[in-house]
Amino acid sequence: MEFNGPENDRMNIFGPKYFVFCLLMAVLIVSGYSPSTIASAKGPLHVKNRFPMHIGLLTPFPEGPDLLPSGRLGGALAVDYSSINFDAQAEHWKILMDMETAVVECRLAYGISERLMVDSRIPFIHMGGGFLDGFLESYHSTFGFPNYGRENRPEDRFGYILRQDGNDLVDPVSESFRPGDIDFGVKIVLNTSAANKIRSSLRLMVQAPTGDSRHWTGNSGWDWGLALPTGIAASKLFFYFTPSLYFNADAGDGDTRLETKPVWGLMTAVEYGYSKAWSWVVQLNVYSPPFVKTGIKDLDQDSVELALGFKFQGPFGLLYEGAFCEDLSRSAPDFTVHLAIGW
């Protein structure tokens, strides 16, 4: 996988956001070998990259290797709220994404046996002008972060243009929830070490074209992929690695479609088990560009998103999850706030 992004600190491994990620990883590793606390693994943060051009595609979903027990039905309800400002042009392209999005996702899973589980993810997607532009301009100015041209657009005004050679690929309709493509998966245990220190599984998935391709919540074709979630336990630390590969149908509708190519992904995460109930997670989700070269450098680079969050095992078997996600490349939302409750 190539890291070939723009010449700024977003894709510079010595840039400030990568430094923060490495520092947090080091703190977790140093602190994780104290045997004084009993901790349990709760898995990585279940938050996807919600970049609008990728939102209807099958892209990496961070997950751990564990399965539900045989005969058990589980589920989760998650909400991701993102802010995006992207404005670029090339010889054949005019692209504008100025919006805030909300994705409400229902997830269901059922343990068929100790080594086999089926699951599904059902998203509903809202795109609109939002309300955070003024706050974000002040925040970026205070901490010296780039504002990505947000100040050149009307405040909190929705804008969505995907135009290739004069043809519009999207109908810019805001302020409505629309269904996205539904993901169905099968997860199979591959390996569990004798001491349960190393666990791995295989997830095979297919995504059905239930979304609206003209509003870019789906791509009107069947997508499929596979992932290899792996977990390694070390005292209070739990490491997760998930390489993955995805094949998407060409995006768009009618005669004007955007050609896709195979997507390679790699999710890495470190979970620090603070106690039996609480965990802290640092996570990096990376995947290759899903579209054939557009000539826009920010779209033709890898998507990189950093997530910092927590997991809390509450009463009645409920698992609460929260995260703040920052883009380390332009092909990810400026930020995403993620909340979920699972059972």
C-alpha atoms as a PDB file:
ATOM      1  CA  MET A   1       0.000   0.000   0.000  1.00  0.00           C
ATOM      2  CA  GLU A   2       1.403   3.371  -0.994  1.00  0.00           C
ATOM      3  CA  PHE A   3       1.203   6.477   1.141  1.00  0.00           C
ATOM      4  CA  ASN A   4       1.330   9.025  -1.620  1.00  0.00           C
ATOM      5  CA  GLY A   5      -0.659  11.953  -0.263  1.00  0.00           C
ATOM      6  CA  PRO A   6      -0.235  15.702  -0.601  1.00  0.00           C
ATOM      7  CA  GLU A   7       2.910  17.406   0.501  1.00  0.00           C
ATOM      8  CA  ASN A   8       1.707  18.560   3.886  1.00  0.00           C
ATOM      9  CA  ASP A   9       1.694  17.284   7.434  1.00  0.00           C
ATOM     10  CA  ARG A  10      -1.395  15.124   6.855  1.00  0.00           C
ATOM     11  CA  MET A  11       0.580  12.450   5.075  1.00  0.00           C
ATOM     12  CA  ASN A  12       3.959  13.223   6.613  1.00  0.00           C
ATOM     13  CA  ILE A  13       4.874  10.550   9.126  1.00  0.00           C
ATOM     14  CA  PHE A  14       6.636  13.230  11.179  1.00  0.00           C
ATOM     15  CA  GLY A  15       3.550  15.493  11.120  1.00  0.00           C
ATOM     16  CA  PRO A  16       1.823  16.466  14.393  1.00  0.00           C
ATOM     17  CA  LYS A  17      -1.159  14.109  14.114  1.00  0.00           C
ATOM     18  CA  TYR A  18       1.040  11.082  13.469  1.00  0.00           C
ATOM     19  CA  PHE A  19       3.210  12.177  16.399  1.00  0.00           C
ATOM     20  CA  VAL A  20       0.156  12.221  18.686  1.00  0.00           C
ATOM     21  CA  PHE A  21      -0.848   8.736  17.474  1.00  0.00           C
ATOM     22  CA  CYS A  22       2.645   7.313  18.118  1.00  0.00           C
ATOM     23  CA  LEU A  23       2.819   8.985  21.535  1.00  0.00           C
ATOM     24  CA  LEU A  24      -0.516   7.515  22.603  1.00  0.00           C
ATOM     25  CA  MET A  25       0.515   4.074  21.380  1.00  0.00           C
ATOM     26  CA  ALA A  26       3.740   4.327  23.407  1.00  0.00           C
ATOM     27  CA  VAL A  27       1.874   5.385  26.562  1.00  0.00           C
ATOM     28  CA  LEU A  28      -0.508   2.439  26.242  1.00  0.00           C
ATOM     29  CA  ILE A  29       2.332  -0.023  25.703  1.00  0.00           C
ATOM     30  CA  VAL A  30       4.379   1.255  28.661  1.00  0.00           C
ATOM     31  CA  SER A  31       1.386   1.291  30.997  1.00  0.00           C
ATOM     32  CA  GLY A  32      -0.099  -1.987  29.877  1.00  0.00           C
ATOM     33  CA  TYR A  33       2.167  -4.411  31.694  1.00  0.00           C
ATOM     34  CA  SER A  34       1.030  -3.684  35.228  1.00  0.00           C
ATOM     35  CA  PRO A  35      -0.589  -6.897  36.545  1.00  0.00           C
ATOM     36  CA  SER A  36      -2.599  -5.091  39.225  1.00  0.00           C
ATOM     37  CA  THR A  37      -5.836  -4.764  37.252  1.00  0.00           C
ATOM     38  CA  ILE A  38      -8.029  -7.472  35.782  1.00  0.00           C
ATOM     39  CA  ALA A  39      -9.075  -6.416  32.290  1.00  0.00           C
ATOM     40  CA  SER A  40     -11.143  -7.937  29.519  1.00  0.00           C
ATOM     41  CA  ALA A  41     -10.837  -7.416  25.776  1.00  0.00           C
ATOM     42  CA  LYS A  42     -13.746  -5.516  24.232  1.00  0.00           C
ATOM     43  CA  GLY A  43     -12.436  -5.100  20.687  1.00  0.00           C
ATOM     44  CA  PRO A  44     -11.561  -2.162  18.433  1.00  0.00           C
ATOM     45  CA  LEU A  45     -13.795   0.847  17.850  1.00  0.00           C
ATOM     46  CA  HIS A  46     -16.556  -0.023  15.380  1.00  0.00           C
ATOM     47  CA  VAL A  47     -16.396   3.213  13.399  1.00  0.00           C
ATOM     48  CA  LYS A  48     -15.957   3.501   9.614  1.00  0.00           C
ATOM     49  CA  ASN A  49     -14.513   6.245   7.469  1.00  0.00           C
ATOM     50  CA  ARG A  50     -17.643   8.228   6.477  1.00  0.00           C
ATOM     51  CA  PHE A  51     -16.143  10.207   3.577  1.00  0.00           C
ATOM     52  CA  PRO A  52     -19.175  10.993   1.317  1.00  0.00           C
ATOM     53  CA  MET A  53     -17.684   9.619  -1.918  1.00  0.00           C
ATOM     54  CA  HIS A  54     -16.944   6.326  -0.126  1.00  0.00           C
ATOM     55  CA  ILE A  55     -20.105   6.118   1.967  1.00  0.00           C
ATOM     56  CA  GLY A  56     -21.956   3.899  -0.532  1.00  0.00           C
ATOM     57  CA  LEU A  57     -19.011   1.544  -1.071  1.00  0.00           C
ATOM     58  CA  LEU A  58     -17.826  -1.513   0.821  1.00  0.00           C
ATOM     59  CA  THR A  59     -14.784  -0.272   2.766  1.00  0.00           C
ATOM     60  CA  PRO A  60     -13.004  -1.465   5.939  1.00  0.00           C
ATOM     61  CA  PHE A  61     -15.100  -1.862   9.073  1.00  0.00           C
ATOM     62  CA  PRO A  62     -12.885  -2.231  12.173  1.00  0.00           C
ATOM     63  CA  GLU A  63     -13.718  -5.347  14.151  1.00  0.00           C
ATOM     64  CA  GLY A  64     -12.098  -7.917  16.398  1.00  0.00           C
ATOM     65  CA  PRO A  65     -11.772 -11.669  15.843  1.00  0.00           C
ATOM     66  CA  ASP A  66     -14.278 -12.835  18.463  1.00  0.00           C
ATOM     67  CA  LEU A  67     -17.653 -14.433  17.716  1.00  0.00           C
ATOM     68  CA  LEU A  68     -20.898 -14.548  19.636  1.00  0.00           C
ATOM     69  CA  PRO A  69     -21.558 -17.755  21.585  1.00  0.00           C
ATOM     70  CA  SER A  70     -23.622 -20.407  19.846  1.00  0.00           C
ATOM     71  CA  GLY A  71     -27.336 -19.600  19.843  1.00  0.00           C
ATOM     72  CA  ARG A  72     -26.908 -15.992  20.954  1.00  0.00           C
ATOM     73  CA  LEU A  73     -28.435 -13.003  19.130  1.00  0.00           C
ATOM     74  CA  GLY A  74     -26.594  -9.720  19.523  1.00  0.00           C
ATOM     75  CA  GLY A  75     -26.818  -6.257  18.079  1.00  0.00           C
ATOM     76  CA  ALA A  76     -25.823  -2.619  18.277  1.00  0.00           C
ATOM     77  CA  LEU A  77     -27.129   0.818  17.401  1.00  0.00           C
ATOM     78  CA  ALA A  78     -24.505   3.358  16.319  1.00  0.00           C
ATOM     79  CA  VAL A  79     -24.536   7.034  15.322  1.00  0.00           C
ATOM     80  CA  ASP A  80     -21.673   8.748  13.464  1.00  0.00           C
ATOM     81  CA  TYR A  81     -21.742  12.532  12.988  1.00  0.00           C
ATOM     82  CA  SER A  82     -19.165  13.952  10.556  1.00  0.00           C
ATOM     83  CA  SER A  83     -18.111  17.279   9.073  1.00  0.00           C
ATOM     84  CA  ILE A  84     -16.652  17.415   5.551  1.00  0.00           C
ATOM     85  CA  ASN A  85     -15.305  20.258   3.435  1.00  0.00           C
ATOM     86  CA  PHE A  86     -13.655  19.223   0.171  1.00  0.00           C
ATOM     87  CA  ASP A  87     -13.347  21.398  -2.944  1.00  0.00           C
ATOM     88  CA  ALA A  88     -11.134  20.328  -5.873  1.00  0.00           C
ATOM     89  CA  GLN A  89     -10.952  20.364  -9.656  1.00  0.00           C
ATOM     90  CA  ALA A  90      -9.029  18.481 -12.317  1.00  0.00           C
ATOM     91  CA  GLU A  91      -9.139  18.234 -16.102  1.00  0.00           C
ATOM     92  CA  HIS A  92     -12.246  16.025 -16.096  1.00  0.00           C
ATOM     93  CA  TRP A  93     -13.584  16.687 -12.606  1.00  0.00           C
ATOM     94  CA  LYS A  94     -15.340  19.261 -10.448  1.00  0.00           C
ATOM     95  CA  ILE A  95     -15.920  18.043  -6.897  1.00  0.00           C
ATOM     96  CA  LEU A  96     -17.449  19.883  -3.960  1.00  0.00           C
ATOM     97  CA  MET A  97     -18.464  18.289  -0.659  1.00  0.00           C
ATOM     98  CA  ASP A  98     -19.489  20.868   1.950  1.00  0.00           C
ATOM     99  CA  MET A  99     -21.733  19.152   4.452  1.00  0.00           C
ATOM    100  CA  GLU A 100     -22.305  17.487   7.772  1.00  0.00           C
ATOM    101  CA  THR A 101     -23.518  13.905   7.726  1.00  0.00           C
ATOM    102  CA  ALA A 102     -25.221  11.617  10.223  1.00  0.00           C
ATOM    103  CA  VAL A 103     -25.162   7.855   9.777  1.00  0.00           C
ATOM    104  CA  VAL A 104     -27.457   5.773  11.980  1.00  0.00           C
ATOM    105  CA  GLU A 105     -26.561   2.101  11.717  1.00  0.00           C
ATOM    106  CA  CYS A 106     -28.256  -0.983  13.110  1.00  0.00           C
ATOM    107  CA  ARG A 107     -26.090  -4.087  13.471  1.00  0.00           C
ATOM    108  CA  LEU A 108     -27.310  -7.607  14.107  1.00  0.00           C
ATOM    109  CA  ALA A 109     -25.357 -10.829  14.650  1.00  0.00           C
ATOM    110  CA  TYR A 110     -26.195 -14.438  15.479  1.00  0.00           C
ATOM    111  CA  GLY A 111     -23.857 -17.192  16.690  1.00  0.00           C
ATOM    112  CA  ILE A 112     -24.625 -20.344  14.692  1.00  0.00           C
ATOM    113  CA  SER A 113     -21.907 -22.362  16.444  1.00  0.00           C
ATOM    114  CA  GLU A 114     -18.753 -21.743  18.465  1.00  0.00           C
ATOM    115  CA  ARG A 115     -16.861 -21.271  15.191  1.00  0.00           C
ATOM    116  CA  LEU A 116     -19.447 -19.639  12.908  1.00  0.00           C
ATOM    117  CA  MET A 117     -21.418 -16.376  13.090  1.00  0.00           C
ATOM    118  CA  VAL A 118     -23.597 -14.414  10.643  1.00  0.00           C
ATOM    119  CA  ASP A 119     -24.158 -10.657  10.832  1.00  0.00           C
ATOM    120  CA  SER A 120     -25.605  -7.667   9.027  1.00  0.00           C
ATOM    121  CA  ARG A 121     -25.240  -3.868   9.086  1.00  0.00           C
ATOM    122  CA  ILE A 122     -28.144  -1.626   8.016  1.00  0.00           C
ATOM    123  CA  PRO A 123     -27.288   2.105   7.612  1.00  0.00           C
ATOM    124  CA  PHE A 124     -29.436   5.209   7.211  1.00  0.00           C
ATOM    125  CA  ILE A 125     -27.644   8.315   5.939  1.00  0.00           C
ATOM    126  CA  HIS A 126     -28.433  12.012   6.339  1.00  0.00           C
ATOM    127  CA  MET A 127     -26.580  14.800   4.523  1.00  0.00           C
ATOM    128  CA  GLY A 128     -27.143  18.470   5.275  1.00  0.00           C
ATOM    129  CA  GLY A 129     -25.587  21.875   5.880  1.00  0.00           C
ATOM    130  CA  GLY A 130     -25.180  21.323   9.595  1.00  0.00           C
ATOM    131  CA  PHE A 131     -24.358  23.905  12.217  1.00  0.00           C
ATOM    132  CA  LEU A 132     -20.632  23.628  13.034  1.00  0.00           C
ATOM    133  CA  ASP A 133     -18.839  25.770  10.427  1.00  0.00           C
ATOM    134  CA  GLY A 134     -18.362  28.779  12.719  1.00  0.00           C
ATOM    135  CA  PHE A 135     -17.083  26.648  15.578  1.00  0.00           C
ATOM    136  CA  LEU A 136     -14.705  24.713  13.325  1.00  0.00           C
ATOM    137  CA  GLU A 137     -13.206  27.867  11.812  1.00  0.00           C
ATOM    138  CA  SER A 138     -12.465  29.156  15.330  1.00  0.00           C
ATOM    139  CA  TYR A 139     -11.091  25.779  16.438  1.00  0.00           C
ATOM    140  CA  HIS A 140      -8.790  25.459  13.419  1.00  0.00           C
ATOM    141  CA  SER A 141      -7.593  29.044  13.835  1.00  0.00           C
ATOM    142  CA  THR A 142      -6.871  28.582  17.544  1.00  0.00           C
ATOM    143  CA  PHE A 143      -4.758  25.441  17.098  1.00  0.00           C
ATOM    144  CA  GLY A 144      -3.221  26.292  13.721  1.00  0.00           C
ATOM    145  CA  PHE A 145      -4.987  23.570  11.718  1.00  0.00           C
ATOM    146  CA  PRO A 146      -5.867  24.129   8.043  1.00  0.00           C
ATOM    147  CA  ASN A 147      -9.461  25.194   7.348  1.00  0.00           C
ATOM    148  CA  TYR A 148      -9.633  23.597   3.852  1.00  0.00           C
ATOM    149  CA  GLY A 149     -11.310  26.648   2.291  1.00  0.00           C
ATOM    150  CA  ARG A 150     -14.327  26.489   4.592  1.00  0.00           C
ATOM    151  CA  GLU A 151     -14.164  30.280   4.962  1.00  0.00           C
ATOM    152  CA  ASN A 152     -14.819  30.645   1.210  1.00  0.00           C
ATOM    153  CA  ARG A 153     -18.219  28.972   1.422  1.00  0.00           C
ATOM    154  CA  PRO A 154     -21.504  30.247   2.916  1.00  0.00           C
ATOM    155  CA  GLU A 155     -21.648  29.193   6.554  1.00  0.00           C
ATOM    156  CA  ASP A 156     -23.571  25.967   7.202  1.00  0.00           C
ATOM    157  CA  ARG A 157     -24.680  25.767   3.559  1.00  0.00           C
ATOM    158  CA  PHE A 158     -24.998  22.293   2.014  1.00  0.00           C
ATOM    159  CA  GLY A 159     -23.077  21.711  -1.202  1.00  0.00           C
ATOM    160  CA  TYR A 160     -22.499  18.463  -3.105  1.00  0.00           C
ATOM    161  CA  ILE A 161     -21.157  18.324  -6.664  1.00  0.00           C
ATOM    162  CA  LEU A 162     -19.634  15.287  -8.384  1.00  0.00           C
ATOM    163  CA  ARG A 163     -19.220  16.353 -12.012  1.00  0.00           C
ATOM    164  CA  GLN A 164     -17.260  14.358 -14.588  1.00  0.00           C
ATOM    165  CA  ASP A 165     -16.832  15.893 -18.050  1.00  0.00           C
ATOM    166  CA  GLY A 166     -19.902  18.054 -17.457  1.00  0.00           C
ATOM    167  CA  ASN A 167     -22.092  15.153 -16.277  1.00  0.00           C
ATOM    168  CA  ASP A 168     -23.436  15.227 -12.715  1.00  0.00           C
ATOM    169  CA  LEU A 169     -23.127  11.943 -10.833  1.00  0.00           C
ATOM    170  CA  VAL A 170     -25.151  13.006  -7.790  1.00  0.00           C
ATOM    171  CA  ASP A 171     -28.459  14.777  -7.119  1.00  0.00           C
ATOM    172  CA  PRO A 172     -27.663  17.248  -4.315  1.00  0.00           C
ATOM    173  CA  VAL A 173     -30.642  16.750  -1.997  1.00  0.00           C
ATOM    174  CA  SER A 174     -30.102  17.532   1.681  1.00  0.00           C
ATOM    175  CA  GLU A 175     -32.015  17.282   4.952  1.00  0.00           C
ATOM    176  CA  SER A 176     -33.367  13.743   4.556  1.00  0.00           C
ATOM    177  CA  PHE A 177     -32.482  10.267   5.814  1.00  0.00           C
ATOM    178  CA  ARG A 178     -31.975   7.698   3.073  1.00  0.00           C
ATOM    179  CA  PRO A 179     -31.169   3.980   3.342  1.00  0.00           C
ATOM    180  CA  GLY A 180     -27.671   2.853   2.478  1.00  0.00           C
ATOM    181  CA  ASP A 181     -26.408  -0.423   1.075  1.00  0.00           C
ATOM    182  CA  ILE A 182     -26.882  -3.333   3.495  1.00  0.00           C
ATOM    183  CA  ASP A 183     -23.888  -5.475   4.404  1.00  0.00           C
ATOM    184  CA  PHE A 184     -24.260  -9.234   5.094  1.00  0.00           C
ATOM    185  CA  GLY A 185     -21.371 -11.245   6.520  1.00  0.00           C
ATOM    186  CA  VAL A 186     -20.214 -14.675   7.659  1.00  0.00           C
ATOM    187  CA  LYS A 187     -17.453 -14.931  10.255  1.00  0.00           C
ATOM    188  CA  ILE A 188     -15.434 -18.097  10.821  1.00  0.00           C
ATOM    189  CA  VAL A 189     -12.901 -18.852  13.562  1.00  0.00           C
ATOM    190  CA  LEU A 190      -9.479 -19.647  12.115  1.00  0.00           C
ATOM    191  CA  ASN A 191      -7.259 -19.935  15.157  1.00  0.00           C
ATOM    192  CA  THR A 192      -7.310 -19.638  18.931  1.00  0.00           C
ATOM    193  CA  SER A 193      -4.094 -20.286  20.852  1.00  0.00           C
ATOM    194  CA  ALA A 194      -4.112 -22.655  23.809  1.00  0.00           C
ATOM    195  CA  ALA A 195      -3.747 -19.750  26.233  1.00  0.00           C
ATOM    196  CA  ASN A 196      -6.258 -17.655  24.245  1.00  0.00           C
ATOM    197  CA  LYS A 197      -3.530 -15.073  23.617  1.00  0.00           C
ATOM    198  CA  ILE A 198      -3.785 -15.040  19.823  1.00  0.00           C
ATOM    199  CA  ARG A 199      -7.139 -15.186  18.056  1.00  0.00           C
ATOM    200  CA  SER A 200      -7.966 -14.834  14.389  1.00  0.00           C
ATOM    201  CA  SER A 201     -11.012 -15.224  12.166  1.00  0.00           C
ATOM    202  CA  LEU A 202     -12.139 -14.787   8.572  1.00  0.00           C
ATOM    203  CA  ARG A 203     -15.063 -12.571   7.626  1.00  0.00           C
ATOM    204  CA  LEU A 204     -16.631 -12.923   4.184  1.00  0.00           C
ATOM    205  CA  MET A 205     -19.097 -10.200   3.231  1.00  0.00           C
ATOM    206  CA  VAL A 206     -21.409  -9.046   0.467  1.00  0.00           C
ATOM    207  CA  GLN A 207     -23.115  -5.656   0.179  1.00  0.00           C
ATOM    208  CA  ALA A 208     -26.551  -5.447  -1.434  1.00  0.00           C
ATOM    209  CA  PRO A 209     -27.568  -2.419  -3.575  1.00  0.00           C
ATOM    210  CA  THR A 210     -30.327  -1.137  -1.279  1.00  0.00           C
ATOM    211  CA  GLY A 211     -29.090   2.468  -1.215  1.00  0.00           C
ATOM    212  CA  ASP A 212     -29.832   5.361  -3.557  1.00  0.00           C
ATOM    213  CA  SER A 213     -27.099   5.665  -6.182  1.00  0.00           C
ATOM    214  CA  ARG A 214     -28.296   9.090  -7.398  1.00  0.00           C
ATOM    215  CA  HIS A 215     -27.840  10.470  -3.899  1.00  0.00           C
ATOM    216  CA  TRP A 216     -24.633   8.472  -3.414  1.00  0.00           C
ATOM    217  CA  THR A 217     -25.824   6.372  -0.468  1.00  0.00           C
ATOM    218  CA  GLY A 218     -25.262   3.249  -2.592  1.00  0.00           C
ATOM    219  CA  ASN A 219     -23.644   2.298  -5.866  1.00  0.00           C
ATOM    220  CA  SER A 220     -26.442   0.259  -7.545  1.00  0.00           C
ATOM    221  CA  GLY A 221     -24.275  -2.858  -7.686  1.00  0.00           C
ATOM    222  CA  TRP A 222     -23.245  -5.836  -5.571  1.00  0.00           C
ATOM    223  CA  ASP A 223     -19.972  -5.499  -3.646  1.00  0.00           C
ATOM    224  CA  TRP A 224     -18.012  -8.154  -1.810  1.00  0.00           C
ATOM    225  CA  GLY A 225     -14.919  -8.518   0.318  1.00  0.00           C
ATOM    226  CA  LEU A 226     -13.017 -10.405   2.971  1.00  0.00           C
ATOM    227  CA  ALA A 227     -11.186  -9.485   6.160  1.00  0.00           C
ATOM    228  CA  LEU A 228      -8.869 -11.306   8.586  1.00  0.00           C
ATOM    229  CA  PRO A 229      -9.420  -9.857  12.089  1.00  0.00           C
ATOM    230  CA  THR A 230      -6.633 -10.861  14.479  1.00  0.00           C
ATOM    231  CA  GLY A 231      -6.223 -10.131  18.187  1.00  0.00           C
ATOM    232  CA  ILE A 232      -3.224 -10.549  20.502  1.00  0.00           C
ATOM    233  CA  ALA A 233      -3.544 -10.280  24.282  1.00  0.00           C
ATOM    234  CA  ALA A 234      -0.658  -9.107  26.481  1.00  0.00           C
ATOM    235  CA  SER A 235      -1.511  -8.360  30.122  1.00  0.00           C
ATOM    236  CA  LYS A 236      -3.807  -5.311  30.039  1.00  0.00           C
ATOM    237  CA  LEU A 237      -3.036  -4.605  26.383  1.00  0.00           C
ATOM    238  CA  PHE A 238      -4.919  -6.029  23.418  1.00  0.00           C
ATOM    239  CA  PHE A 239      -3.568  -5.538  19.899  1.00  0.00           C
ATOM    240  CA  TYR A 240      -5.762  -5.801  16.820  1.00  0.00           C
ATOM    241  CA  PHE A 241      -4.806  -6.129  13.153  1.00  0.00           C
ATOM    242  CA  THR A 242      -7.283  -6.521  10.310  1.00  0.00           C
ATOM    243  CA  PRO A 243      -6.005  -6.753   6.735  1.00  0.00           C
ATOM    244  CA  SER A 244      -8.840  -6.707   4.205  1.00  0.00           C
ATOM    245  CA  LEU A 245      -9.665  -6.685   0.499  1.00  0.00           C
ATOM    246  CA  TYR A 246     -12.825  -5.348  -1.204  1.00  0.00           C
ATOM    247  CA  PHE A 247     -14.290  -5.377  -4.705  1.00  0.00           C
ATOM    248  CA  ASN A 248     -16.930  -2.721  -5.463  1.00  0.00           C
ATOM    249  CA  ALA A 249     -19.224  -2.322  -8.453  1.00  0.00           C
ATOM    250  CA  ASP A 250     -18.739   0.901 -10.400  1.00  0.00           C
ATOM    251  CA  ALA A 251     -20.354   3.813  -8.556  1.00  0.00           C
ATOM    252  CA  GLY A 252     -23.101   6.036  -9.903  1.00  0.00           C
ATOM    253  CA  ASP A 253     -26.236   5.523 -11.947  1.00  0.00           C
ATOM    254  CA  GLY A 254     -27.161   5.254 -15.634  1.00  0.00           C
ATOM    255  CA  ASP A 255     -24.548   5.958 -18.292  1.00  0.00           C
ATOM    256  CA  THR A 256     -22.347   8.110 -16.051  1.00  0.00           C
ATOM    257  CA  ARG A 257     -20.504   5.871 -13.647  1.00  0.00           C
ATOM    258  CA  LEU A 258     -17.273   6.161 -11.696  1.00  0.00           C
ATOM    259  CA  GLU A 259     -14.960   3.203 -12.244  1.00  0.00           C
ATOM    260  CA  THR A 260     -13.754   1.461  -9.090  1.00  0.00           C
ATOM    261  CA  LYS A 261     -10.759  -0.748  -8.355  1.00  0.00           C
ATOM    262  CA  PRO A 262      -9.908  -3.256  -5.588  1.00  0.00           C
ATOM    263  CA  VAL A 263      -9.454  -1.721  -2.141  1.00  0.00           C
ATOM    264  CA  TRP A 264      -6.751  -2.946   0.236  1.00  0.00           C
ATOM    265  CA  GLY A 265      -7.265  -2.114   3.904  1.00  0.00           C
ATOM    266  CA  LEU A 266      -5.371  -2.391   7.171  1.00  0.00           C
ATOM    267  CA  MET A 267      -6.810  -1.548  10.572  1.00  0.00           C
ATOM    268  CA  THR A 268      -4.487  -1.464  13.588  1.00  0.00           C
ATOM    269  CA  ALA A 269      -5.603  -0.759  17.135  1.00  0.00           C
ATOM    270  CA  VAL A 270      -4.381  -0.966  20.710  1.00  0.00           C
ATOM    271  CA  GLU A 271      -6.884  -1.427  23.534  1.00  0.00           C
ATOM    272  CA  TYR A 272      -5.796  -0.672  27.090  1.00  0.00           C
ATOM    273  CA  GLY A 273      -7.929  -2.525  29.622  1.00  0.00           C
ATOM    274  CA  TYR A 274      -8.100  -0.002  32.448  1.00  0.00           C
ATOM    275  CA  SER A 275     -10.462  -2.246  34.392  1.00  0.00           C
ATOM    276  CA  LYS A 276     -12.933  -5.020  33.788  1.00  0.00           C
ATOM    277  CA  ALA A 277     -15.512  -2.405  32.756  1.00  0.00           C
ATOM    278  CA  TRP A 278     -13.431   0.309  31.066  1.00  0.00           C
ATOM    279  CA  SER A 279     -11.100   0.232  28.067  1.00  0.00           C
ATOM    280  CA  TRP A 280      -9.316   2.969  26.110  1.00  0.00           C
ATOM    281  CA  VAL A 281      -8.581   2.479  22.415  1.00  0.00           C
ATOM    282  CA  VAL A 282      -6.206   4.109  19.909  1.00  0.00           C
ATOM    283  CA  GLN A 283      -6.910   3.058  16.334  1.00  0.00           C
ATOM    284  CA  LEU A 284      -5.705   3.739  12.793  1.00  0.00           C
ATOM    285  CA  ASN A 285      -7.829   2.767   9.794  1.00  0.00           C
ATOM    286  CA  VAL A 286      -6.077   2.868   6.387  1.00  0.00           C
ATOM    287  CA  TYR A 287      -7.223   1.791   2.949  1.00  0.00           C
ATOM    288  CA  SER A 288      -6.205   2.344  -0.662  1.00  0.00           C
ATOM    289  CA  PRO A 289      -8.197   4.650  -3.005  1.00  0.00           C
ATOM    290  CA  PRO A 290     -11.342   2.903  -4.316  1.00  0.00           C
ATOM    291  CA  PHE A 291     -11.593   4.797  -7.623  1.00  0.00           C
ATOM    292  CA  VAL A 292      -9.509   4.594 -10.770  1.00  0.00           C
ATOM    293  CA  LYS A 293      -7.188   7.602 -10.940  1.00  0.00           C
ATOM    294  CA  THR A 294      -9.151  10.875 -11.055  1.00  0.00           C
ATOM    295  CA  GLY A 295      -6.228  13.296 -11.339  1.00  0.00           C
ATOM    296  CA  ILE A 296      -7.174  14.870  -7.986  1.00  0.00           C
ATOM    297  CA  LYS A 297      -4.299  14.069  -5.667  1.00  0.00           C
ATOM    298  CA  ASP A 298      -6.390  14.137  -2.496  1.00  0.00           C
ATOM    299  CA  LEU A 299      -8.725  11.469  -3.928  1.00  0.00           C
ATOM    300  CA  ASP A 300      -5.977   9.326  -5.466  1.00  0.00           C
ATOM    301  CA  GLN A 301      -4.198   8.800  -2.141  1.00  0.00           C
ATOM    302  CA  ASP A 302      -4.806   6.350   0.690  1.00  0.00           C
ATOM    303  CA  SER A 303      -7.558   7.148   3.186  1.00  0.00           C
ATOM    304  CA  VAL A 304      -6.191   7.427   6.724  1.00  0.00           C
ATOM    305  CA  GLU A 305      -8.305   8.052   9.817  1.00  0.00           C
ATOM    306  CA  LEU A 306      -7.247   8.163  13.474  1.00  0.00           C
ATOM    307  CA  ALA A 307      -9.776   7.230  16.162  1.00  0.00           C
ATOM    308  CA  LEU A 308      -9.444   7.757  19.924  1.00  0.00           C
ATOM    309  CA  GLY A 309     -12.129   6.349  22.151  1.00  0.00           C
ATOM    310  CA  PHE A 310     -13.431   4.231  24.999  1.00  0.00           C
ATOM    311  CA  LYS A 311     -15.505   1.142  25.678  1.00  0.00           C
ATOM    312  CA  PHE A 312     -17.555   0.605  28.820  1.00  0.00           C
ATOM    313  CA  GLN A 313     -19.160  -2.659  29.855  1.00  0.00           C
ATOM    314  CA  GLY A 314     -22.305  -1.544  31.649  1.00  0.00           C
ATOM    315  CA  PRO A 315     -25.061  -3.360  33.519  1.00  0.00           C
ATOM    316  CA  PHE A 316     -27.524  -5.719  31.808  1.00  0.00           C
ATOM    317  CA  GLY A 317     -24.828  -6.835  29.352  1.00  0.00           C
ATOM    318  CA  LEU A 318     -24.764  -3.496  27.504  1.00  0.00           C
ATOM    319  CA  LEU A 319     -21.517  -2.306  25.908  1.00  0.00           C
ATOM    320  CA  TYR A 320     -21.139   1.448  25.387  1.00  0.00           C
ATOM    321  CA  GLU A 321     -18.665   2.908  22.912  1.00  0.00           C
ATOM    322  CA  GLY A 322     -17.565   6.433  22.039  1.00  0.00           C
ATOM    323  CA  ALA A 323     -14.847   7.838  19.789  1.00  0.00           C
ATOM    324  CA  PHE A 324     -13.497  10.991  18.200  1.00  0.00           C
ATOM    325  CA  CYS A 325     -11.998  10.484  14.739  1.00  0.00           C
ATOM    326  CA  GLU A 326      -9.571  12.804  12.926  1.00  0.00           C
ATOM    327  CA  ASP A 327      -8.533  12.682   9.279  1.00  0.00           C
ATOM    328  CA  LEU A 328      -4.868  12.105   8.499  1.00  0.00           C
ATOM    329  CA  SER A 329      -5.627  12.365   4.785  1.00  0.00           C
ATOM    330  CA  ARG A 330      -8.108  14.470   2.842  1.00  0.00           C
ATOM    331  CA  SER A 331     -10.163  11.429   1.804  1.00  0.00           C
ATOM    332  CA  ALA A 332     -11.733  11.189   5.256  1.00  0.00           C
ATOM    333  CA  PRO A 333     -14.113  13.498   7.143  1.00  0.00           C
ATOM    334  CA  ASP A 334     -12.551  16.492   8.900  1.00  0.00           C
ATOM    335  CA  PHE A 335     -13.793  14.798  12.058  1.00  0.00           C
ATOM    336  CA  THR A 336     -16.338  12.205  13.160  1.00  0.00           C
ATOM    337  CA  VAL A 337     -17.993  11.767  16.557  1.00  0.00           C
ATOM    338  CA  HIS A 338     -19.057   8.159  17.109  1.00  0.00           C
ATOM    339  CA  LEU A 339     -21.438   6.757  19.751  1.00  0.00           C
ATOM    340  CA  ALA A 340     -22.788   3.216  19.992  1.00  0.00           C
ATOM    341  CA  ILE A 341     -24.560   0.879  22.352  1.00  0.00           C
ATOM    342  CA  GLY A 342     -24.365  -2.885  21.914  1.00  0.00           C
ATOM    343  CA  TRP A 343     -25.922  -5.910  23.566  1.00  0.00           C
END
